[in-house]
Protein backbone atom coordinates (compact mmCIF):
# COMPACT_ATOMS: atom_id res chain seq x y z
CA MET A 1 16.26 1.08 -28.19
CA ARG A 2 14.98 4.15 -26.35
CA ARG A 3 14.39 5.90 -29.68
CA LEU A 4 12.51 2.87 -30.95
CA LEU A 5 10.31 2.83 -27.85
CA TRP A 6 9.57 6.55 -28.12
CA ALA A 7 8.66 6.08 -31.80
CA SER A 8 6.50 3.04 -30.98
CA LEU A 9 4.20 5.21 -28.88
CA VAL A 10 2.49 6.11 -32.15
CA LEU A 11 0.95 2.61 -32.11
CA ALA A 12 -1.57 3.74 -29.48
CA PRO A 13 -3.31 6.34 -31.67
CA LEU A 14 -2.96 4.00 -34.67
CA THR A 15 -4.89 1.36 -32.71
CA VAL A 16 -7.68 3.85 -32.03
CA VAL A 17 -7.78 4.88 -35.70
CA ALA A 18 -7.84 1.24 -36.85
CA ASP A 19 -10.75 0.59 -34.49
CA GLN A 20 -12.69 3.56 -35.88
CA LEU A 21 -12.05 2.35 -39.44
CA GLY A 22 -13.54 -1.05 -38.60
CA ALA A 23 -10.43 -3.23 -38.73
CA GLY A 24 -10.77 -6.96 -38.01
CA LYS A 25 -11.20 -7.86 -34.34
CA THR A 26 -8.38 -10.41 -34.24
CA GLY A 27 -5.96 -7.96 -35.80
CA LEU A 28 -7.14 -5.25 -33.41
CA PHE A 29 -6.45 -7.49 -30.41
CA ILE A 30 -2.89 -8.11 -31.57
CA LEU A 31 -2.29 -4.45 -32.47
CA ALA A 32 -3.61 -3.33 -29.07
CA ALA A 33 -1.36 -5.83 -27.28
CA VAL A 34 1.72 -4.59 -29.15
CA ALA A 35 0.74 -0.95 -28.56
CA LEU A 36 0.72 -1.56 -24.80
CA ILE A 37 4.44 -2.44 -24.82
CA PRO A 38 5.85 1.08 -25.36
CA LEU A 39 3.17 2.47 -23.04
CA ALA A 40 4.39 0.05 -20.38
CA TRP A 41 7.95 1.27 -20.91
CA LEU A 42 6.84 4.90 -20.60
CA ILE A 43 4.99 4.20 -17.35
CA GLY A 44 8.07 2.44 -16.03
CA GLU A 45 10.26 5.37 -17.08
CA ALA A 46 7.98 7.90 -15.36
CA THR A 47 7.80 5.74 -12.24
CA ASP A 48 11.59 5.55 -12.10
CA HIS A 49 11.82 9.35 -12.18
CA ALA A 50 9.02 9.75 -9.61
CA ALA A 51 10.75 7.28 -7.29
CA GLU A 52 13.84 9.52 -7.30
CA HIS A 53 11.73 11.98 -5.30
CA THR A 54 9.56 9.58 -3.28
CA GLY A 55 11.64 6.44 -2.70
CA PRO A 56 10.96 2.89 -3.99
CA GLY A 57 7.99 2.17 -1.70
CA ILE A 58 5.86 5.12 -2.82
CA GLY A 59 7.18 4.71 -6.37
CA GLY A 60 5.86 1.16 -6.45
CA PHE A 61 2.50 2.34 -5.13
CA LEU A 62 2.28 5.04 -7.82
CA ASN A 63 3.07 2.54 -10.56
CA ALA A 64 0.46 0.09 -9.26
CA SER A 65 -2.18 2.81 -8.91
CA PHE A 66 -1.73 4.22 -12.40
CA GLY A 67 -1.17 0.81 -13.97
CA ASN A 68 -4.29 -0.78 -12.49
CA GLY A 69 -6.58 1.89 -13.93
CA PRO A 70 -7.01 -0.08 -17.19
CA GLU A 71 -7.72 -3.21 -15.12
CA ILE A 72 -10.80 -1.52 -13.65
CA ILE A 73 -11.91 -0.34 -17.07
CA ILE A 74 -11.50 -3.82 -18.59
CA ALA A 75 -13.49 -5.38 -15.74
CA LEU A 76 -16.39 -2.93 -15.96
CA LEU A 77 -16.55 -3.25 -19.75
CA ALA A 78 -16.72 -7.03 -19.40
CA ILE A 79 -19.50 -6.74 -16.79
CA SER A 80 -21.52 -4.47 -19.06
CA SER A 81 -21.04 -7.03 -21.84
CA GLY A 82 -22.36 -9.85 -19.64
CA LEU A 83 -19.00 -11.62 -19.19
CA PRO A 84 -18.70 -12.31 -15.43
CA ASN A 85 -16.32 -15.23 -15.91
CA VAL A 86 -13.99 -13.01 -17.94
CA VAL A 87 -13.98 -10.49 -15.08
CA ARG A 88 -13.20 -13.04 -12.38
CA GLY A 89 -10.64 -14.79 -14.55
CA SER A 90 -8.82 -11.57 -15.44
CA LEU A 91 -8.78 -10.36 -11.82
CA ALA A 92 -7.45 -13.64 -10.44
CA GLY A 93 -5.01 -13.94 -13.34
CA SER A 94 -3.80 -10.39 -12.73
CA VAL A 95 -2.85 -11.12 -9.12
CA VAL A 96 -1.13 -14.38 -10.03
CA SER A 97 0.75 -12.93 -13.02
CA ASN A 98 2.07 -10.03 -10.95
CA LEU A 99 3.28 -12.30 -8.17
CA LEU A 100 4.77 -15.08 -10.27
CA LEU A 101 5.49 -13.78 -13.77
CA VAL A 102 6.35 -10.13 -13.16
CA LEU A 103 8.23 -10.59 -9.90
CA GLY A 104 9.88 -13.73 -11.25
CA LEU A 105 11.14 -12.07 -14.43
CA SER A 106 12.21 -8.99 -12.47
CA LEU A 107 14.33 -11.09 -10.13
CA PHE A 108 15.71 -13.15 -13.00
CA VAL A 109 16.87 -10.20 -15.14
CA GLY A 110 17.91 -8.08 -12.15
CA ARG A 111 20.82 -8.33 -9.80
CA ILE A 112 21.02 -10.11 -6.49
CA GLY A 113 19.90 -7.56 -3.96
CA LYS A 114 17.82 -6.65 -0.96
CA VAL A 115 14.06 -6.22 -0.89
CA ASP A 116 11.88 -4.56 1.71
CA ARG A 117 10.95 -7.81 3.45
CA PHE A 118 8.55 -6.21 5.93
CA SER A 119 6.65 -4.22 3.29
CA LEU A 120 6.33 -7.17 0.92
CA LEU A 121 5.15 -9.60 3.61
CA ILE A 122 2.49 -7.14 4.83
CA GLN A 123 1.13 -6.80 1.30
CA LEU A 124 1.26 -10.55 0.69
CA GLY A 125 -0.65 -11.01 3.94
CA ALA A 126 -3.33 -8.69 2.56
CA VAL A 127 -3.61 -10.82 -0.61
CA LEU A 128 -3.94 -13.99 1.48
CA PHE A 129 -6.58 -12.31 3.65
CA ALA A 130 -8.53 -11.31 0.55
CA THR A 131 -8.31 -14.85 -0.81
CA ALA A 132 -9.74 -16.22 2.44
CA LEU A 133 -12.66 -13.75 2.32
CA PHE A 134 -13.37 -14.68 -1.31
CA LEU A 135 -14.35 -18.12 0.00
CA VAL A 136 -17.53 -16.61 1.51
CA PRO A 137 -19.28 -16.16 -1.87
CA SER A 138 -17.09 -18.70 -3.71
CA VAL A 139 -17.88 -21.91 -1.82
CA PRO A 140 -21.68 -21.63 -2.34
CA GLY A 141 -20.93 -20.79 -5.97
CA TRP A 142 -19.30 -24.18 -6.49
CA HIS A 143 -22.82 -25.62 -6.59
CA GLY A 144 -25.58 -24.13 -8.70
CA ASP A 145 -25.49 -20.82 -10.55
CA PRO A 146 -22.33 -18.88 -9.51
CA ASP A 147 -23.89 -15.64 -10.74
CA ARG A 148 -27.11 -15.81 -8.71
CA HIS A 149 -28.17 -12.62 -6.94
CA SER A 150 -27.82 -14.07 -3.43
CA LEU A 151 -24.07 -14.50 -4.00
CA ALA A 152 -23.81 -10.92 -5.23
CA VAL A 153 -25.46 -9.81 -1.98
CA ALA A 154 -23.05 -11.99 0.02
CA THR A 155 -20.20 -10.24 -1.81
CA ILE A 156 -21.13 -6.80 -0.41
CA PRO A 157 -19.76 -7.23 3.16
CA VAL A 158 -16.65 -8.95 1.77
CA ALA A 159 -16.00 -6.01 -0.55
CA VAL A 160 -16.60 -3.42 2.19
CA VAL A 161 -14.18 -5.13 4.60
CA LEU A 162 -11.48 -5.41 1.92
CA LEU A 163 -11.79 -1.74 0.95
CA ALA A 164 -11.51 -0.73 4.62
CA VAL A 165 -8.40 -2.90 4.99
CA TYR A 166 -6.93 -1.39 1.82
CA LEU A 167 -7.48 2.17 3.04
CA ALA A 168 -5.89 1.49 6.43
CA LEU A 169 -2.98 -0.44 4.92
CA THR A 170 -2.31 2.20 2.27
CA LEU A 171 -2.24 5.10 4.75
CA TRP A 172 0.11 3.20 7.07
CA SER A 173 2.36 2.07 4.19
CA LEU A 174 2.69 5.52 2.62
CA ARG A 175 3.60 7.10 5.95
CA ARG A 176 6.20 4.41 6.59
CA HIS A 177 7.78 4.70 3.15
CA LYS A 178 7.85 8.49 3.39
CA ARG A 179 9.67 8.28 6.73
CA LEU A 180 12.18 5.73 5.39
CA HIS A 181 12.86 7.88 2.33
CA ILE A 182 13.50 10.98 4.47
CA GLU A 183 15.76 9.01 6.83
CA SER A 184 17.76 7.64 3.89
CA GLY A 185 18.83 11.17 2.91
CA HIS A 186 18.48 10.30 -0.76
CA VAL A 187 18.64 13.26 -3.15
CA ALA A 188 17.08 13.01 -6.61
CA HIS A 189 19.58 12.76 -9.46
CA GLU A 190 20.11 15.92 -11.49
CA SER A 191 18.85 14.23 -14.66
CA ALA A 192 15.60 13.11 -13.00
CA TRP A 193 12.35 14.64 -14.15
CA SER A 194 10.54 16.81 -11.63
CA LEU A 195 7.87 15.00 -9.63
CA SER A 196 5.09 16.98 -11.33
CA VAL A 197 6.38 16.08 -14.79
CA ALA A 198 6.72 12.40 -13.86
CA LEU A 199 3.17 12.30 -12.48
CA ALA A 200 1.81 14.07 -15.58
CA VAL A 201 3.51 11.54 -17.87
CA LEU A 202 2.14 8.70 -15.72
CA ALA A 203 -1.38 10.10 -16.03
CA CYS A 204 -1.15 10.58 -19.81
CA ALA A 205 0.37 7.14 -20.42
CA THR A 206 -2.30 5.53 -18.24
CA LEU A 207 -5.08 7.33 -20.13
CA ALA A 208 -3.68 6.08 -23.44
CA THR A 209 -3.41 2.59 -21.97
CA ALA A 210 -7.08 2.75 -20.97
CA PHE A 211 -8.17 3.56 -24.55
CA VAL A 212 -6.07 0.74 -25.98
CA SER A 213 -7.31 -1.68 -23.31
CA GLU A 214 -10.93 -0.85 -24.14
CA ILE A 215 -10.34 -1.81 -27.76
CA MET A 216 -8.63 -4.99 -26.64
CA VAL A 217 -11.49 -6.17 -24.41
CA HIS A 218 -13.98 -5.78 -27.25
CA SER A 219 -11.78 -8.08 -29.36
CA ILE A 220 -11.49 -10.91 -26.81
CA ASP A 221 -14.13 -13.20 -28.31
CA ALA A 222 -12.69 -12.97 -31.82
CA PHE A 223 -9.18 -13.66 -30.57
CA ALA A 224 -10.32 -16.62 -28.45
CA ASP A 225 -12.11 -18.16 -31.44
CA ALA A 226 -9.10 -17.56 -33.69
CA VAL A 227 -6.62 -19.33 -31.36
CA GLY A 228 -9.07 -21.99 -30.18
CA ALA A 229 -8.64 -21.18 -26.49
CA SER A 230 -11.32 -21.10 -23.79
CA GLU A 231 -12.80 -17.78 -22.72
CA PHE A 232 -11.48 -18.37 -19.18
CA PHE A 233 -7.93 -19.04 -20.38
CA VAL A 234 -7.86 -15.92 -22.55
CA ALA A 235 -9.17 -13.85 -19.61
CA ALA A 236 -6.93 -15.33 -16.91
CA VAL A 237 -3.75 -15.39 -18.97
CA VAL A 238 -3.84 -13.19 -22.08
CA VAL A 239 -6.10 -10.37 -20.81
CA ALA A 240 -4.51 -10.41 -17.35
CA VAL A 241 -0.98 -10.14 -18.74
CA VAL A 242 -1.74 -7.64 -21.51
CA GLY A 243 -4.09 -5.59 -19.35
CA ASN A 244 -1.32 -5.19 -16.79
CA ALA A 245 1.46 -4.60 -19.29
CA ALA A 246 2.18 -1.25 -17.66
CA GLU A 247 3.30 -2.79 -14.36
CA HIS A 248 4.79 -5.84 -16.08
CA GLY A 249 7.07 -3.96 -18.43
CA GLY A 250 7.88 -1.20 -15.94
CA ALA A 251 8.99 -3.58 -13.20
CA ILE A 252 11.17 -5.67 -15.51
CA VAL A 253 12.84 -2.59 -17.04
CA LEU A 254 13.62 -1.19 -13.59
CA ALA A 255 14.96 -4.54 -12.37
CA HIS A 256 17.27 -4.71 -15.37
CA ARG A 257 18.66 -1.34 -14.27
CA GLY A 258 19.51 -2.83 -10.89
CA LYS A 259 16.55 -1.36 -8.98
CA THR A 260 15.37 -4.66 -7.56
CA MET A 261 13.69 -3.13 -4.51
CA LEU A 262 11.54 -0.80 -6.62
CA ALA A 263 10.70 -3.60 -9.08
CA SER A 264 9.62 -5.94 -6.28
CA GLU A 265 7.46 -3.20 -4.75
CA ILE A 266 5.76 -2.63 -8.11
CA ALA A 267 4.95 -6.32 -8.64
CA VAL A 268 3.69 -7.06 -5.13
CA SER A 269 1.93 -3.69 -4.69
CA SER A 270 0.06 -4.23 -7.94
CA ALA A 271 -1.02 -7.73 -6.90
CA ALA A 272 -2.17 -6.50 -3.49
CA GLN A 273 -4.02 -3.56 -4.99
CA VAL A 274 -5.91 -5.79 -7.43
CA ALA A 275 -6.88 -8.24 -4.67
CA VAL A 276 -7.79 -5.78 -1.92
CA PHE A 277 -8.94 -2.71 -3.88
CA VAL A 278 -9.71 -3.30 -7.57
CA THR A 279 -11.65 -6.56 -7.08
CA PRO A 280 -13.99 -5.35 -4.30
CA LEU A 281 -14.40 -1.96 -6.00
CA VAL A 282 -15.46 -3.61 -9.26
CA ALA A 283 -17.89 -5.84 -7.34
CA LEU A 284 -19.59 -2.87 -5.66
CA VAL A 285 -19.70 -0.73 -8.82
CA SER A 286 -21.21 -3.68 -10.71
CA PHE A 287 -24.49 -3.07 -8.85
CA ALA A 288 -24.97 -0.14 -11.21
CA PHE A 289 -25.39 -2.70 -14.02
CA ALA A 290 -28.23 -5.11 -14.67
CA ASP A 291 -26.34 -8.13 -13.35
CA PRO A 292 -24.03 -7.40 -10.38
CA LEU A 293 -20.85 -9.43 -10.06
CA PRO A 294 -20.51 -12.05 -7.29
CA LEU A 295 -16.91 -12.71 -6.28
CA ALA A 296 -17.53 -16.42 -6.70
CA PHE A 297 -14.16 -17.74 -7.83
CA ARG A 298 -13.60 -21.35 -8.87
CA PRO A 299 -11.40 -23.71 -6.78
CA ILE A 300 -8.65 -23.46 -9.43
CA GLU A 301 -8.62 -19.67 -9.06
CA ILE A 302 -8.60 -19.76 -5.25
CA ALA A 303 -5.79 -22.33 -5.27
CA ALA A 304 -3.75 -20.23 -7.73
CA LEU A 305 -4.19 -17.10 -5.58
CA ALA A 306 -3.24 -18.80 -2.32
CA GLY A 307 -0.41 -20.87 -3.79
CA SER A 308 1.29 -17.99 -5.58
CA THR A 309 1.07 -15.76 -2.50
CA LEU A 310 2.62 -18.38 -0.21
CA LEU A 311 5.39 -19.16 -2.71
CA VAL A 312 6.41 -15.50 -2.99
CA ALA A 313 6.28 -15.09 0.80
CA LEU A 314 8.70 -18.01 1.21
CA LEU A 315 11.15 -16.51 -1.29
CA VAL A 316 11.19 -12.93 0.06
CA GLU A 317 11.18 -13.92 3.73
CA ARG A 318 15.00 -13.73 3.87
CA GLY A 319 15.02 -10.15 2.64
CA ARG A 320 17.29 -10.96 -0.32
CA THR A 321 16.50 -12.26 -3.79
CA GLY A 322 18.36 -13.76 -6.72
CA ARG A 323 17.94 -15.26 -10.16
CA SER A 324 17.20 -18.73 -8.80
CA GLY A 325 14.19 -17.39 -6.93
CA GLY A 326 13.02 -15.63 -10.07
CA ALA A 327 13.30 -18.86 -12.05
CA ILE A 328 11.21 -20.67 -9.44
CA LEU A 329 8.46 -18.08 -9.69
CA VAL A 330 8.39 -18.17 -13.50
CA ALA A 331 8.25 -21.98 -13.38
CA GLY A 332 5.36 -21.70 -10.94
CA TYR A 333 3.54 -19.43 -13.37
CA ALA A 334 4.05 -21.96 -16.16
CA LEU A 335 2.33 -24.57 -13.97
CA VAL A 336 -0.55 -22.19 -13.30
CA ILE A 337 -0.95 -21.56 -17.05
CA ALA A 338 -1.13 -25.31 -17.65
CA ALA A 339 -3.75 -25.67 -14.91
CA PHE A 340 -5.83 -22.81 -16.35
CA LEU A 341 -5.61 -24.37 -19.80
CA LEU A 342 -6.83 -27.73 -18.52
CA ALA A 343 -9.60 -26.12 -16.43
CA GLY A 344 -11.39 -24.73 -19.48
CA ASP A 345 -14.54 -22.66 -19.19
CA ARG A 346 -16.78 -22.80 -16.14
CA THR A 347 -19.69 -25.24 -16.26
CA GLN A 348 -22.65 -25.04 -13.92
């Protein structure tokens, strides 16, 4: 299987070549999605080796940071293409899929074990705080044009506060995880890559993921028309899952190896980073484009964000996880998918 995954990495350059040769958009979307699978495995592999030197907490942060790079690229490309609903749908869907699908599958395929309860609850609290702040531009957006300039202006203080919270939370979290790792006395395994090699592989795999993700986002419309799905559903489910394949695949692979704590940190760290860092950053950078992005989420998106966060908090509160909890989270994600499907595209 490892040989197959290494060989499958050739799909990334093949996707780029197919795009340059003018291949069909629907086929490109599918090829890009498949190409992200071995890249996700490689990012998970590099994260596993990096965590041997840094501990699971910082390892999860590294995976989230490298893995969410394509998420920012996808969002900015969609903004430049005049697709604000795709941006909001993919961002909300990314948080929900990390919390319910990724964490759920990780717990289901992994072993019963401990998680860093304190770390996870702090990050879940940050997601809930972000969801509450999103109501500032969202509630007025439930009436009238959700993309009007006044809502984009109202988004600015929300984004600034969230970025400040993210910076403070990240500095505190990294210091705490570094201290815990030193106190644990853990020594990296002899077969582990050096930290510099692991970080270099992470950077290269993330760069390749960004190129493949760019091709994918330009094929969204064709894929949506081909499958008969709404633009919102494709953004909130398909783009969110595929665009975050790096964290998704990496966390599940690590959980299968018995590293439940690292897998849970990856899933929750990624969700928190999207909510508290990627989303406000994209909103502020969008002012460089003709139509800035208001963080005016629909009620269905707000409900999905809040509900998934609270459900995960209830399950990790004990500090231990098992397959039953994973099954509950995956079932919750299935309900969210059904709700997104029924919601359809946004109407003013």
